[in-house]
Amino acid sequence: MSTPNSSHLVAQWFSENRNWLHARLAGWLNCRHAADDIVSETFLRVLSMPDPDQVREPRALLTTVARRLAQESWRRRDLERAYLHVLQGMPEQVQPSPEDAQILLQTLLRIDQLLDTLPGQGKAAFIHSQIGGLTYAQIAGRLGISLSRVQQYMTEAFKLCYGALAE
């Protein structure tokens, strides 16, 4: 976590770079409101860094953090759209209530975040298994990896999911 000294430094970066970063983001996103949100979140993330005092190029750091946040936002939006599309295709009698639908969406977003900590093939293995219904052998063939590696990926993914449930 940042120290009082680094908090002062991040506050200085905010006053010097907020408008610059906002202009860049508004251009990338074509939305000033989304840019506002990402600028705020960017500085919160930088403030929570262990040692921002060591950063030599604050604008490079701010740009990197902001781009990652924008990508996370796009991925969340895409996941939400896909989820809503699936819900629309369901018969009305089996559709979840609005509250349950929101809980399910938040769960999907959390699982997506958890799986991002896995290597790309680990995430793919989990999705092929849990959503695609493929066997471990089919996944191994599709990904070009060994069956034991698929088992390792699945073990890692399930540990992440169970850990999240325990929280």
C-alpha atoms as a PDB file:
ATOM      1  CA  MET A   1       0.000   0.000   0.000  1.00  0.00           C
ATOM      2  CA  SER A   2       1.168   3.529  -0.607  1.00  0.00           C
ATOM      3  CA  THR A   3       2.794   5.646   2.072  1.00  0.00           C
ATOM      4  CA  PRO A   4       1.777   9.248   2.909  1.00  0.00           C
ATOM      5  CA  ASN A   5       4.724  10.358   0.768  1.00  0.00           C
ATOM      6  CA  SER A   6       3.611   8.283  -2.214  1.00  0.00           C
ATOM      7  CA  SER A   7       0.017   9.477  -1.711  1.00  0.00           C
ATOM      8  CA  HIS A   8       1.295  13.012  -2.141  1.00  0.00           C
ATOM      9  CA  LEU A   9       3.179  11.938  -5.274  1.00  0.00           C
ATOM     10  CA  VAL A  10       0.082  10.301  -6.797  1.00  0.00           C
ATOM     11  CA  ALA A  11      -1.940  13.425  -5.958  1.00  0.00           C
ATOM     12  CA  GLN A  12       0.675  15.445  -7.843  1.00  0.00           C
ATOM     13  CA  TRP A  13       0.438  13.071 -10.832  1.00  0.00           C
ATOM     14  CA  PHE A  14      -3.334  13.440 -10.695  1.00  0.00           C
ATOM     15  CA  SER A  15      -3.195  17.222 -10.875  1.00  0.00           C
ATOM     16  CA  GLU A  16      -0.553  17.150 -13.629  1.00  0.00           C
ATOM     17  CA  ASN A  17      -1.950  14.303 -15.762  1.00  0.00           C
ATOM     18  CA  ARG A  18      -5.674  13.945 -15.162  1.00  0.00           C
ATOM     19  CA  ASN A  19      -6.778  16.125 -18.085  1.00  0.00           C
ATOM     20  CA  TRP A  20      -4.186  14.597 -20.407  1.00  0.00           C
ATOM     21  CA  LEU A  21      -5.247  11.043 -19.522  1.00  0.00           C
ATOM     22  CA  HIS A  22      -8.935  11.931 -19.788  1.00  0.00           C
ATOM     23  CA  ALA A  23      -8.433  13.381 -23.278  1.00  0.00           C
ATOM     24  CA  ARG A  24      -6.616  10.227 -24.405  1.00  0.00           C
ATOM     25  CA  LEU A  25      -9.242   7.925 -22.974  1.00  0.00           C
ATOM     26  CA  ALA A  26     -12.139   9.953 -24.345  1.00  0.00           C
ATOM     27  CA  GLY A  27     -10.549   9.590 -27.792  1.00  0.00           C
ATOM     28  CA  TRP A  28     -10.061   5.808 -27.432  1.00  0.00           C
ATOM     29  CA  LEU A  29     -13.454   5.143 -25.906  1.00  0.00           C
ATOM     30  CA  ASN A  30     -15.538   7.756 -27.730  1.00  0.00           C
ATOM     31  CA  CYS A  31     -17.276   8.398 -24.410  1.00  0.00           C
ATOM     32  CA  ARG A  32     -16.370  11.100 -21.928  1.00  0.00           C
ATOM     33  CA  HIS A  33     -18.314   9.418 -19.098  1.00  0.00           C
ATOM     34  CA  ALA A  34     -16.483   6.111 -19.512  1.00  0.00           C
ATOM     35  CA  ALA A  35     -13.227   8.081 -19.631  1.00  0.00           C
ATOM     36  CA  ASP A  36     -14.145   9.751 -16.313  1.00  0.00           C
ATOM     37  CA  ASP A  37     -14.680   6.374 -14.682  1.00  0.00           C
ATOM     38  CA  ILE A  38     -11.453   4.875 -16.000  1.00  0.00           C
ATOM     39  CA  VAL A  39      -9.373   7.922 -15.071  1.00  0.00           C
ATOM     40  CA  SER A  40     -10.661   7.696 -11.497  1.00  0.00           C
ATOM     41  CA  GLU A  41     -10.063   3.959 -11.308  1.00  0.00           C
ATOM     42  CA  THR A  42      -6.586   4.382 -12.820  1.00  0.00           C
ATOM     43  CA  PHE A  43      -5.474   6.727 -10.077  1.00  0.00           C
ATOM     44  CA  LEU A  44      -7.023   4.497  -7.402  1.00  0.00           C
ATOM     45  CA  ARG A  45      -5.058   1.531  -8.755  1.00  0.00           C
ATOM     46  CA  VAL A  46      -1.835   3.551  -8.866  1.00  0.00           C
ATOM     47  CA  LEU A  47      -2.471   4.760  -5.317  1.00  0.00           C
ATOM     48  CA  SER A  48      -2.783   1.140  -4.164  1.00  0.00           C
ATOM     49  CA  MET A  49       0.556   0.161  -5.742  1.00  0.00           C
ATOM     50  CA  PRO A  50       3.224  -0.924  -3.265  1.00  0.00           C
ATOM     51  CA  ASP A  51       5.798   1.710  -4.251  1.00  0.00           C
ATOM     52  CA  PRO A  52       4.756   4.359  -6.771  1.00  0.00           C
ATOM     53  CA  ASP A  53       7.833   6.370  -5.722  1.00  0.00           C
ATOM     54  CA  GLN A  54       9.931   4.084  -7.941  1.00  0.00           C
ATOM     55  CA  VAL A  55       8.016   4.969 -11.132  1.00  0.00           C
ATOM     56  CA  ARG A  56      10.182   6.960 -13.534  1.00  0.00           C
ATOM     57  CA  GLU A  57       7.612   7.555 -16.280  1.00  0.00           C
ATOM     58  CA  PRO A  58       4.232   8.295 -14.667  1.00  0.00           C
ATOM     59  CA  ARG A  59       2.462   8.830 -17.992  1.00  0.00           C
ATOM     60  CA  ALA A  60       3.592   5.440 -19.281  1.00  0.00           C
ATOM     61  CA  LEU A  61       2.309   3.804 -16.097  1.00  0.00           C
ATOM     62  CA  LEU A  62      -0.984   5.706 -16.220  1.00  0.00           C
ATOM     63  CA  THR A  63      -1.467   4.781 -19.877  1.00  0.00           C
ATOM     64  CA  THR A  64      -0.778   1.098 -19.210  1.00  0.00           C
ATOM     65  CA  VAL A  65      -3.124   0.936 -16.222  1.00  0.00           C
ATOM     66  CA  ALA A  66      -5.852   2.846 -18.085  1.00  0.00           C
ATOM     67  CA  ARG A  67      -5.624   0.590 -21.139  1.00  0.00           C
ATOM     68  CA  ARG A  68      -5.908  -2.511 -18.982  1.00  0.00           C
ATOM     69  CA  LEU A  69      -8.934  -1.052 -17.227  1.00  0.00           C
ATOM     70  CA  ALA A  70     -10.529  -0.201 -20.581  1.00  0.00           C
ATOM     71  CA  GLN A  71      -9.938  -3.753 -21.795  1.00  0.00           C
ATOM     72  CA  GLU A  72     -11.440  -5.151 -18.579  1.00  0.00           C
ATOM     73  CA  SER A  73     -14.454  -2.895 -19.106  1.00  0.00           C
ATOM     74  CA  TRP A  74     -14.913  -4.087 -22.694  1.00  0.00           C
ATOM     75  CA  ARG A  75     -14.603  -7.712 -21.663  1.00  0.00           C
ATOM     76  CA  ARG A  76     -17.155  -7.221 -18.855  1.00  0.00           C
ATOM     77  CA  ARG A  77     -19.514  -5.513 -21.303  1.00  0.00           C
ATOM     78  CA  ASP A  78     -19.102  -8.325 -23.851  1.00  0.00           C
ATOM     79  CA  LEU A  79     -19.705 -10.975 -21.193  1.00  0.00           C
ATOM     80  CA  GLU A  80     -22.787  -9.127 -19.959  1.00  0.00           C
ATOM     81  CA  ARG A  81     -24.166  -8.835 -23.488  1.00  0.00           C
ATOM     82  CA  ALA A  82     -23.615 -12.538 -24.136  1.00  0.00           C
ATOM     83  CA  TYR A  83     -25.306 -13.406 -20.846  1.00  0.00           C
ATOM     84  CA  LEU A  84     -28.302 -11.168 -21.597  1.00  0.00           C
ATOM     85  CA  HIS A  85     -28.549 -12.695 -25.068  1.00  0.00           C
ATOM     86  CA  VAL A  86     -28.729 -16.188 -23.549  1.00  0.00           C
ATOM     87  CA  LEU A  87     -31.400 -15.026 -21.097  1.00  0.00           C
ATOM     88  CA  GLN A  88     -33.510 -13.601 -23.925  1.00  0.00           C
ATOM     89  CA  GLY A  89     -33.474 -16.965 -25.666  1.00  0.00           C
ATOM     90  CA  MET A  90     -34.751 -18.819 -22.603  1.00  0.00           C
ATOM     91  CA  PRO A  91     -38.421 -19.605 -22.116  1.00  0.00           C
ATOM     92  CA  GLU A  92     -40.022 -17.112 -19.765  1.00  0.00           C
ATOM     93  CA  GLN A  93     -40.907 -19.721 -17.133  1.00  0.00           C
ATOM     94  CA  VAL A  94     -37.217 -20.636 -16.584  1.00  0.00           C
ATOM     95  CA  GLN A  95     -35.757 -17.132 -16.711  1.00  0.00           C
ATOM     96  CA  PRO A  96     -34.260 -16.015 -13.411  1.00  0.00           C
ATOM     97  CA  SER A  97     -35.719 -13.058 -11.552  1.00  0.00           C
ATOM     98  CA  PRO A  98     -33.941  -9.734 -12.156  1.00  0.00           C
ATOM     99  CA  GLU A  99     -32.197 -10.096  -8.786  1.00  0.00           C
ATOM    100  CA  ASP A 100     -31.049 -13.645  -9.538  1.00  0.00           C
ATOM    101  CA  ALA A 101     -29.953 -12.601 -13.031  1.00  0.00           C
ATOM    102  CA  GLN A 102     -27.790  -9.871 -11.500  1.00  0.00           C
ATOM    103  CA  ILE A 103     -26.259 -12.302  -9.008  1.00  0.00           C
ATOM    104  CA  LEU A 104     -25.521 -14.760 -11.823  1.00  0.00           C
ATOM    105  CA  LEU A 105     -23.920 -12.017 -13.914  1.00  0.00           C
ATOM    106  CA  GLN A 106     -21.719 -10.913 -11.008  1.00  0.00           C
ATOM    107  CA  THR A 107     -20.724 -14.555 -10.493  1.00  0.00           C
ATOM    108  CA  LEU A 108     -19.799 -14.907 -14.168  1.00  0.00           C
ATOM    109  CA  LEU A 109     -17.709 -11.743 -13.993  1.00  0.00           C
ATOM    110  CA  ARG A 110     -15.941 -13.013 -10.866  1.00  0.00           C
ATOM    111  CA  ILE A 111     -15.210 -16.377 -12.489  1.00  0.00           C
ATOM    112  CA  ASP A 112     -13.856 -14.557 -15.534  1.00  0.00           C
ATOM    113  CA  GLN A 113     -11.529 -12.552 -13.282  1.00  0.00           C
ATOM    114  CA  LEU A 114     -10.383 -15.690 -11.494  1.00  0.00           C
ATOM    115  CA  LEU A 115      -9.698 -17.527 -14.736  1.00  0.00           C
ATOM    116  CA  ASP A 116      -7.591 -14.618 -15.972  1.00  0.00           C
ATOM    117  CA  THR A 117      -4.987 -15.651 -13.418  1.00  0.00           C
ATOM    118  CA  LEU A 118      -4.546 -18.917 -15.335  1.00  0.00           C
ATOM    119  CA  PRO A 119      -2.457 -19.265 -18.480  1.00  0.00           C
ATOM    120  CA  GLY A 120      -4.472 -18.906 -21.693  1.00  0.00           C
ATOM    121  CA  GLN A 121      -4.654 -22.663 -22.230  1.00  0.00           C
ATOM    122  CA  GLY A 122      -5.794 -23.157 -18.642  1.00  0.00           C
ATOM    123  CA  LYS A 123      -8.691 -20.774 -19.124  1.00  0.00           C
ATOM    124  CA  ALA A 124      -9.512 -22.393 -22.471  1.00  0.00           C
ATOM    125  CA  ALA A 125      -9.468 -25.864 -20.893  1.00  0.00           C
ATOM    126  CA  PHE A 126     -11.885 -24.781 -18.170  1.00  0.00           C
ATOM    127  CA  ILE A 127     -14.264 -23.138 -20.645  1.00  0.00           C
ATOM    128  CA  HIS A 128     -14.174 -26.139 -23.002  1.00  0.00           C
ATOM    129  CA  SER A 129     -14.961 -28.430 -20.078  1.00  0.00           C
ATOM    130  CA  GLN A 130     -17.579 -26.440 -18.213  1.00  0.00           C
ATOM    131  CA  ILE A 131     -19.310 -24.633 -21.065  1.00  0.00           C
ATOM    132  CA  GLY A 132     -18.456 -26.716 -24.092  1.00  0.00           C
ATOM    133  CA  GLY A 133     -18.977 -30.028 -22.336  1.00  0.00           C
ATOM    134  CA  LEU A 134     -15.808 -31.545 -23.796  1.00  0.00           C
ATOM    135  CA  THR A 135     -14.003 -34.397 -22.082  1.00  0.00           C
ATOM    136  CA  TYR A 136     -10.449 -33.877 -20.870  1.00  0.00           C
ATOM    137  CA  ALA A 137      -9.188 -36.045 -23.741  1.00  0.00           C
ATOM    138  CA  GLN A 138     -11.076 -33.915 -26.282  1.00  0.00           C
ATOM    139  CA  ILE A 139      -9.691 -30.763 -24.691  1.00  0.00           C
ATOM    140  CA  ALA A 140      -6.157 -32.143 -24.835  1.00  0.00           C
ATOM    141  CA  GLY A 141      -6.588 -32.890 -28.534  1.00  0.00           C
ATOM    142  CA  ARG A 142      -8.118 -29.507 -29.286  1.00  0.00           C
ATOM    143  CA  LEU A 143      -5.437 -27.553 -27.396  1.00  0.00           C
ATOM    144  CA  GLY A 144      -2.555 -29.802 -28.427  1.00  0.00           C
ATOM    145  CA  ILE A 145      -1.502 -30.533 -24.846  1.00  0.00           C
ATOM    146  CA  SER A 146      -1.238 -33.686 -22.751  1.00  0.00           C
ATOM    147  CA  LEU A 147      -4.134 -35.131 -20.815  1.00  0.00           C
ATOM    148  CA  SER A 148      -2.194 -34.681 -17.580  1.00  0.00           C
ATOM    149  CA  ARG A 149      -1.724 -30.984 -18.380  1.00  0.00           C
ATOM    150  CA  VAL A 150      -5.479 -30.589 -18.888  1.00  0.00           C
ATOM    151  CA  GLN A 151      -5.996 -32.247 -15.494  1.00  0.00           C
ATOM    152  CA  GLN A 152      -3.500 -29.820 -13.925  1.00  0.00           C
ATOM    153  CA  TYR A 153      -5.258 -26.819 -15.486  1.00  0.00           C
ATOM    154  CA  MET A 154      -8.638 -28.041 -14.320  1.00  0.00           C
ATOM    155  CA  THR A 155      -7.338 -28.618 -10.800  1.00  0.00           C
ATOM    156  CA  GLU A 156      -5.957 -25.063 -10.727  1.00  0.00           C
ATOM    157  CA  ALA A 157      -9.231 -23.630 -12.060  1.00  0.00           C
ATOM    158  CA  PHE A 158     -11.366 -25.537  -9.566  1.00  0.00           C
ATOM    159  CA  LYS A 159      -9.101 -24.457  -6.692  1.00  0.00           C
ATOM    160  CA  LEU A 160      -9.622 -20.833  -7.752  1.00  0.00           C
ATOM    161  CA  CYS A 161     -13.383 -21.287  -7.945  1.00  0.00           C
ATOM    162  CA  TYR A 162     -13.602 -23.091  -4.600  1.00  0.00           C
ATOM    163  CA  GLY A 163     -11.374 -20.451  -3.026  1.00  0.00           C
ATOM    164  CA  ALA A 164     -13.722 -17.748  -4.258  1.00  0.00           C
ATOM    165  CA  LEU A 165     -16.709 -19.608  -2.819  1.00  0.00           C
ATOM    166  CA  ALA A 166     -14.977 -19.781   0.554  1.00  0.00           C
ATOM    167  CA  GLU A 167     -14.496 -15.995   0.650  1.00  0.00           C
END
